[in-house]
Amino acid sequence: MWFIRRILKVSWKDKKSNDEVLHQVIVVRVVVVVVIVVVVVVVVVVVVVVVVVVVIVVVVVVVVVVVVVHLVVVLVGRSGH
């Protein structure tokens, strides 16, 4: 998290006599940090949703395959007798 501290840190070059400029610089840096955090959170949420969907699909496919194989084995067993 050093980069957040670095972004928020106001360097000596940015320290003008005008407090408004300083305030704007701080606001811009805070907005940048907030945007970065929001983007990271959105990416993490999307990845988690994709992983959950993939797991659900895999489980459904496995269950369907097991049920179909079971039915085929039962039907073949009955027809064989």
C-alpha atoms as a PDB file:
ATOM      1  CA  MET A   1       0.000   0.000   0.000  1.00  0.00           C
ATOM      2  CA  TRP A   2       3.044   2.276  -0.265  1.00  0.00           C
ATOM      3  CA  PHE A   3       1.780   3.665  -3.587  1.00  0.00           C
ATOM      4  CA  ILE A   4      -1.390   5.020  -1.935  1.00  0.00           C
ATOM      5  CA  ARG A   5       0.696   6.810   0.675  1.00  0.00           C
ATOM      6  CA  ARG A   6       2.959   8.110  -2.081  1.00  0.00           C
ATOM      7  CA  ILE A   7      -0.014   9.419  -4.112  1.00  0.00           C
ATOM      8  CA  LEU A   8      -1.553  11.066  -1.050  1.00  0.00           C
ATOM      9  CA  LYS A   9       1.744  12.601   0.027  1.00  0.00           C
ATOM     10  CA  VAL A  10       2.027  16.178  -1.155  1.00  0.00           C
ATOM     11  CA  SER A  11       5.535  16.916  -2.354  1.00  0.00           C
ATOM     12  CA  TRP A  12       7.290  20.221  -1.618  1.00  0.00           C
ATOM     13  CA  LYS A  13       6.938  21.230  -5.269  1.00  0.00           C
ATOM     14  CA  ASP A  14       3.158  21.037  -4.935  1.00  0.00           C
ATOM     15  CA  LYS A  15       3.127  23.309  -1.858  1.00  0.00           C
ATOM     16  CA  LYS A  16       2.158  26.638  -3.295  1.00  0.00           C
ATOM     17  CA  SER A  17       1.250  29.685  -1.263  1.00  0.00           C
ATOM     18  CA  ASN A  18      -2.278  29.220  -2.555  1.00  0.00           C
ATOM     19  CA  ASP A  19      -4.156  26.811  -0.292  1.00  0.00           C
ATOM     20  CA  GLU A  20      -6.792  26.248  -2.952  1.00  0.00           C
ATOM     21  CA  VAL A  21      -4.242  24.735  -5.347  1.00  0.00           C
ATOM     22  CA  LEU A  22      -3.008  22.484  -2.557  1.00  0.00           C
ATOM     23  CA  HIS A  23      -6.572  21.440  -1.811  1.00  0.00           C
ATOM     24  CA  GLN A  24      -7.214  20.644  -5.488  1.00  0.00           C
ATOM     25  CA  VAL A  25      -4.053  18.547  -5.688  1.00  0.00           C
ATOM     26  CA  ILE A  26      -5.111  16.580  -2.602  1.00  0.00           C
ATOM     27  CA  VAL A  27      -8.670  16.135  -3.950  1.00  0.00           C
ATOM     28  CA  VAL A  28      -7.358  14.911  -7.324  1.00  0.00           C
ATOM     29  CA  ARG A  29      -5.079  12.394  -5.619  1.00  0.00           C
ATOM     30  CA  VAL A  30      -7.869  11.158  -3.344  1.00  0.00           C
ATOM     31  CA  VAL A  31     -10.155  10.751  -6.379  1.00  0.00           C
ATOM     32  CA  VAL A  32      -7.424   8.794  -8.188  1.00  0.00           C
ATOM     33  CA  VAL A  33      -6.994   6.490  -5.190  1.00  0.00           C
ATOM     34  CA  VAL A  34     -10.766   5.997  -4.891  1.00  0.00           C
ATOM     35  CA  VAL A  35     -11.033   5.174  -8.614  1.00  0.00           C
ATOM     36  CA  ILE A  36      -8.153   2.671  -8.323  1.00  0.00           C
ATOM     37  CA  VAL A  37      -9.784   1.012  -5.293  1.00  0.00           C
ATOM     38  CA  VAL A  38     -13.195   0.844  -7.039  1.00  0.00           C
ATOM     39  CA  VAL A  39     -11.641  -0.695 -10.171  1.00  0.00           C
ATOM     40  CA  VAL A  40      -9.784  -3.296  -8.083  1.00  0.00           C
ATOM     41  CA  VAL A  41     -12.966  -4.162  -6.146  1.00  0.00           C
ATOM     42  CA  VAL A  42     -14.993  -4.498  -9.374  1.00  0.00           C
ATOM     43  CA  VAL A  43     -12.331  -6.743 -10.936  1.00  0.00           C
ATOM     44  CA  VAL A  44     -12.226  -8.942  -7.818  1.00  0.00           C
ATOM     45  CA  VAL A  45     -16.038  -9.217  -7.749  1.00  0.00           C
ATOM     46  CA  VAL A  46     -16.168 -10.120 -11.459  1.00  0.00           C
ATOM     47  CA  VAL A  47     -13.464 -12.776 -11.010  1.00  0.00           C
ATOM     48  CA  VAL A  48     -15.286 -14.273  -8.003  1.00  0.00           C
ATOM     49  CA  VAL A  49     -18.607 -14.352  -9.912  1.00  0.00           C
ATOM     50  CA  VAL A  50     -16.954 -16.010 -12.921  1.00  0.00           C
ATOM     51  CA  VAL A  51     -15.297 -18.625 -10.703  1.00  0.00           C
ATOM     52  CA  VAL A  52     -18.595 -19.355  -8.917  1.00  0.00           C
ATOM     53  CA  VAL A  53     -20.453 -19.699 -12.249  1.00  0.00           C
ATOM     54  CA  VAL A  54     -17.758 -22.016 -13.630  1.00  0.00           C
ATOM     55  CA  VAL A  55     -17.896 -24.185 -10.482  1.00  0.00           C
ATOM     56  CA  ILE A  56     -21.711 -24.372 -10.682  1.00  0.00           C
ATOM     57  CA  VAL A  57     -21.574 -25.331 -14.380  1.00  0.00           C
ATOM     58  CA  VAL A  58     -18.943 -28.009 -13.712  1.00  0.00           C
ATOM     59  CA  VAL A  59     -20.999 -29.459 -10.838  1.00  0.00           C
ATOM     60  CA  VAL A  60     -24.176 -29.515 -12.967  1.00  0.00           C
ATOM     61  CA  VAL A  61     -22.343 -31.197 -15.865  1.00  0.00           C
ATOM     62  CA  VAL A  62     -20.829 -33.827 -13.561  1.00  0.00           C
ATOM     63  CA  VAL A  63     -24.230 -34.550 -11.971  1.00  0.00           C
ATOM     64  CA  VAL A  64     -25.912 -34.855 -15.389  1.00  0.00           C
ATOM     65  CA  VAL A  65     -23.165 -37.166 -16.689  1.00  0.00           C
ATOM     66  CA  VAL A  66     -23.379 -39.364 -13.568  1.00  0.00           C
ATOM     67  CA  VAL A  67     -27.191 -39.576 -13.818  1.00  0.00           C
ATOM     68  CA  VAL A  68     -27.093 -40.374 -17.564  1.00  0.00           C
ATOM     69  CA  VAL A  69     -24.392 -43.025 -17.102  1.00  0.00           C
ATOM     70  CA  HIS A  70     -26.365 -44.534 -14.213  1.00  0.00           C
ATOM     71  CA  LEU A  71     -29.558 -44.639 -16.290  1.00  0.00           C
ATOM     72  CA  VAL A  72     -27.735 -46.194 -19.258  1.00  0.00           C
ATOM     73  CA  VAL A  73     -26.167 -48.851 -17.007  1.00  0.00           C
ATOM     74  CA  VAL A  74     -29.558 -49.618 -15.429  1.00  0.00           C
ATOM     75  CA  LEU A  75     -31.312 -49.805 -18.825  1.00  0.00           C
ATOM     76  CA  VAL A  76     -28.564 -51.954 -20.368  1.00  0.00           C
ATOM     77  CA  GLY A  77     -28.640 -54.210 -17.301  1.00  0.00           C
ATOM     78  CA  ARG A  78     -32.429 -54.646 -17.532  1.00  0.00           C
ATOM     79  CA  SER A  79     -32.433 -55.287 -21.280  1.00  0.00           C
ATOM     80  CA  GLY A  80     -29.645 -57.818 -20.872  1.00  0.00           C
ATOM     81  CA  HIS A  81     -31.679 -60.011 -18.497  1.00  0.00           C
END
